[in-house]
């Protein structure tokens, strides 16, 4: 679990450094919507990382194969998150936002999926849940999937309002999160 936690810490440090280079927002989601997302994802992280009494039922065997698979997903998620964040550049925001002079980014991982950072985060959460192998982590994973499906829906509506036909065309040419699935 420490190695998985390390991947999350590296991502957090990188995010904080890069956040300084973001453009100002022309518009963004409400404080309530943002707060709700943070509450759900924070609860999910607590459930994934902390062994909760009564929810410690082991779903996956303690096995080097499962641990290696989970850590591999952590590495893939971390690399995808950094790549997507670099491609998004100054248009990135933790909030759902349209930046000043915002343009759609359709390069790098954005060629295949419209929300590769969310894909990366879900991959990181999945890897950590596999490393844990316990029920509390699976519940945390389910919570975070709910949180990001909700966020995708809200962000898609925001991007349609901002970019109209250009964004709708991109929706027809790409996947929201996972190529071939969703």
Protein backbone atom coordinates (compact mmCIF):
# COMPACT_ATOMS: atom_id res chain seq x y z
CA UNK A 1 0.00 0.00 0.00
CA UNK A 2 2.92 2.35 0.63
CA UNK A 3 4.03 2.15 -3.00
CA UNK A 4 0.49 2.90 -4.14
CA UNK A 5 0.29 5.82 -1.73
CA UNK A 6 3.62 7.03 -3.13
CA UNK A 7 2.12 7.24 -6.64
CA UNK A 8 -0.69 9.40 -5.26
CA UNK A 9 1.79 11.65 -3.45
CA UNK A 10 3.84 12.12 -6.62
CA UNK A 11 0.70 13.07 -8.52
CA UNK A 12 -0.32 15.54 -5.82
CA UNK A 13 3.09 17.23 -5.84
CA UNK A 14 3.09 17.47 -9.64
CA UNK A 15 -0.48 18.83 -9.66
CA UNK A 16 0.35 21.55 -7.14
CA UNK A 17 3.42 22.67 -9.08
CA UNK A 18 1.62 22.74 -12.43
CA UNK A 19 -1.49 24.46 -11.06
CA UNK A 20 0.50 27.69 -10.89
CA UNK A 21 0.58 27.81 -14.71
CA UNK A 22 -3.18 27.71 -15.27
CA UNK A 23 -5.03 30.52 -16.99
CA UNK A 24 -7.73 32.37 -15.07
CA UNK A 25 -11.24 30.98 -15.38
CA UNK A 26 -13.85 32.82 -17.40
CA UNK A 27 -16.52 30.63 -15.78
CA UNK A 28 -16.56 27.63 -13.47
CA UNK A 29 -18.84 25.25 -11.64
CA UNK A 30 -20.63 26.35 -8.50
CA UNK A 31 -18.97 26.01 -5.11
CA UNK A 32 -21.65 23.54 -4.09
CA UNK A 33 -20.99 21.28 -7.08
CA UNK A 34 -17.25 21.42 -6.46
CA UNK A 35 -17.69 20.77 -2.73
CA UNK A 36 -19.93 17.77 -3.43
CA UNK A 37 -17.27 16.26 -5.74
CA UNK A 38 -14.55 16.79 -3.13
CA UNK A 39 -16.66 15.19 -0.38
CA UNK A 40 -17.32 12.09 -2.49
CA UNK A 41 -13.71 11.69 -3.67
CA UNK A 42 -12.33 12.33 -0.18
CA UNK A 43 -14.63 9.66 1.26
CA UNK A 44 -13.53 7.32 -1.51
CA UNK A 45 -9.84 7.91 -0.74
CA UNK A 46 -10.41 7.27 2.96
CA UNK A 47 -12.23 4.02 2.16
CA UNK A 48 -9.56 2.90 -0.30
CA UNK A 49 -6.55 3.62 1.90
CA UNK A 50 -7.75 2.97 5.44
CA UNK A 51 -8.67 -0.52 6.60
CA UNK A 52 -12.16 0.10 7.94
CA UNK A 53 -13.26 -2.26 10.74
CA UNK A 54 -16.17 -4.37 9.57
CA UNK A 55 -15.23 -3.81 5.91
CA UNK A 56 -11.96 -5.76 5.87
CA UNK A 57 -13.33 -8.78 4.07
CA UNK A 58 -10.60 -9.89 1.67
CA UNK A 59 -11.89 -10.05 -1.90
CA UNK A 60 -8.55 -10.71 -3.59
CA UNK A 61 -5.87 -13.05 -2.26
CA UNK A 62 -2.65 -11.54 -0.95
CA UNK A 63 -0.60 -12.39 -3.98
CA UNK A 64 2.42 -10.89 -5.72
CA UNK A 65 0.46 -11.08 -8.98
CA UNK A 66 -2.40 -8.91 -7.71
CA UNK A 67 -0.06 -6.48 -6.01
CA UNK A 68 2.07 -6.18 -9.16
CA UNK A 69 -1.06 -5.68 -11.29
CA UNK A 70 -2.36 -2.97 -8.95
CA UNK A 71 1.00 -1.19 -8.88
CA UNK A 72 1.24 -1.43 -12.68
CA UNK A 73 -2.17 0.26 -12.92
CA UNK A 74 -0.91 2.93 -10.49
CA UNK A 75 2.09 3.55 -12.76
CA UNK A 76 -0.06 3.69 -15.92
CA UNK A 77 -2.54 6.03 -14.23
CA UNK A 78 0.23 8.30 -12.97
CA UNK A 79 1.92 8.51 -16.39
CA UNK A 80 -1.38 9.12 -18.19
CA UNK A 81 -2.34 11.85 -15.69
CA UNK A 82 0.97 13.67 -16.19
CA UNK A 83 0.81 13.32 -19.99
CA UNK A 84 -2.80 14.55 -20.15
CA UNK A 85 -2.08 17.43 -17.77
CA UNK A 86 0.91 18.51 -19.87
CA UNK A 87 -1.17 18.42 -23.06
CA UNK A 88 -3.97 20.42 -21.45
CA UNK A 89 -1.46 23.02 -20.25
CA UNK A 90 -2.89 26.34 -19.12
CA UNK A 91 -6.48 25.17 -19.70
CA UNK A 92 -6.34 22.71 -16.78
CA UNK A 93 -8.45 23.26 -13.69
CA UNK A 94 -9.47 21.05 -10.80
CA UNK A 95 -12.88 22.64 -11.14
CA UNK A 96 -15.10 22.33 -14.16
CA UNK A 97 -14.15 25.59 -15.84
CA UNK A 98 -13.83 27.43 -19.10
CA UNK A 99 -10.62 29.42 -19.12
CA UNK A 100 -10.00 32.83 -20.64
CA UNK A 101 -9.35 32.27 -24.38
CA UNK A 102 -10.05 28.56 -23.90
CA UNK A 103 -9.54 26.23 -26.85
CA UNK A 104 -10.33 22.55 -27.10
CA UNK A 105 -7.26 20.34 -26.77
CA UNK A 106 -7.41 17.32 -29.05
CA UNK A 107 -3.79 16.20 -29.01
CA UNK A 108 -1.97 13.56 -27.01
CA UNK A 109 -4.37 11.33 -25.07
CA UNK A 110 -7.19 13.76 -25.94
CA UNK A 111 -7.21 12.25 -29.46
CA UNK A 112 -8.75 9.07 -28.05
CA UNK A 113 -10.67 10.22 -24.95
CA UNK A 114 -12.19 13.52 -23.94
CA UNK A 115 -11.37 13.19 -20.23
CA UNK A 116 -8.01 11.36 -19.97
CA UNK A 117 -7.22 12.88 -16.57
CA UNK A 118 -10.37 11.29 -15.17
CA UNK A 119 -9.40 8.05 -16.91
CA UNK A 120 -5.99 8.28 -15.25
CA UNK A 121 -7.46 8.95 -11.81
CA UNK A 122 -9.90 6.06 -12.13
CA UNK A 123 -6.98 3.85 -13.16
CA UNK A 124 -5.02 4.97 -10.09
CA UNK A 125 -7.99 4.29 -7.81
CA UNK A 126 -8.49 0.86 -9.39
CA UNK A 127 -4.83 -0.03 -8.93
CA UNK A 128 -4.93 1.00 -5.30
CA UNK A 129 -8.13 -0.98 -4.69
CA UNK A 130 -6.48 -4.07 -6.21
CA UNK A 131 -3.39 -3.63 -4.03
CA UNK A 132 -5.66 -3.41 -0.97
CA UNK A 133 -7.84 -6.31 -2.07
CA UNK A 134 -10.37 -5.61 0.69
CA UNK A 135 -14.07 -4.71 0.66
CA UNK A 136 -13.54 -1.14 1.94
CA UNK A 137 -11.38 -0.40 -1.10
CA UNK A 138 -14.00 -1.75 -3.49
CA UNK A 139 -16.64 0.47 -1.86
CA UNK A 140 -14.27 3.45 -2.20
CA UNK A 141 -13.73 2.58 -5.86
CA UNK A 142 -17.49 2.45 -6.47
CA UNK A 143 -17.86 5.88 -4.85
CA UNK A 144 -15.15 7.43 -7.00
CA UNK A 145 -16.61 5.92 -10.18
CA UNK A 146 -19.92 7.56 -9.25
CA UNK A 147 -18.12 10.88 -8.58
CA UNK A 148 -16.32 10.94 -11.92
CA UNK A 149 -19.31 9.79 -13.98
CA UNK A 150 -21.20 12.68 -12.39
CA UNK A 151 -18.33 15.07 -13.14
CA UNK A 152 -18.10 13.91 -16.77
CA UNK A 153 -21.82 14.60 -17.23
CA UNK A 154 -21.47 18.11 -15.76
CA UNK A 155 -18.31 18.90 -17.70
CA UNK A 156 -19.75 17.66 -20.99
CA UNK A 157 -22.74 20.01 -20.55
CA UNK A 158 -20.38 22.89 -19.76
CA UNK A 159 -18.22 22.18 -22.83
CA UNK A 160 -21.26 21.90 -25.10
CA UNK A 161 -22.46 25.28 -23.83
CA UNK A 162 -19.03 26.82 -24.47
CA UNK A 163 -18.06 25.17 -27.78
CA UNK A 164 -21.36 23.97 -29.26
CA UNK A 165 -21.04 22.12 -32.58
CA UNK A 166 -17.25 21.82 -32.29
CA UNK A 167 -17.57 19.88 -29.05
CA UNK A 168 -20.52 17.82 -30.29
CA UNK A 169 -18.44 16.78 -33.31
CA UNK A 170 -15.60 15.73 -30.99
CA UNK A 171 -18.06 13.68 -28.94
CA UNK A 172 -18.87 11.73 -32.10
CA UNK A 173 -15.19 11.12 -32.81
CA UNK A 174 -13.95 10.10 -29.37
CA UNK A 175 -14.78 8.23 -26.17
CA UNK A 176 -15.51 9.95 -22.86
CA UNK A 177 -13.21 7.86 -20.64
CA UNK A 178 -12.22 4.43 -21.96
CA UNK A 179 -11.84 3.66 -25.67
CA UNK A 180 -14.28 0.97 -26.73
CA UNK A 181 -16.22 1.10 -23.45
CA UNK A 182 -17.46 4.58 -22.55
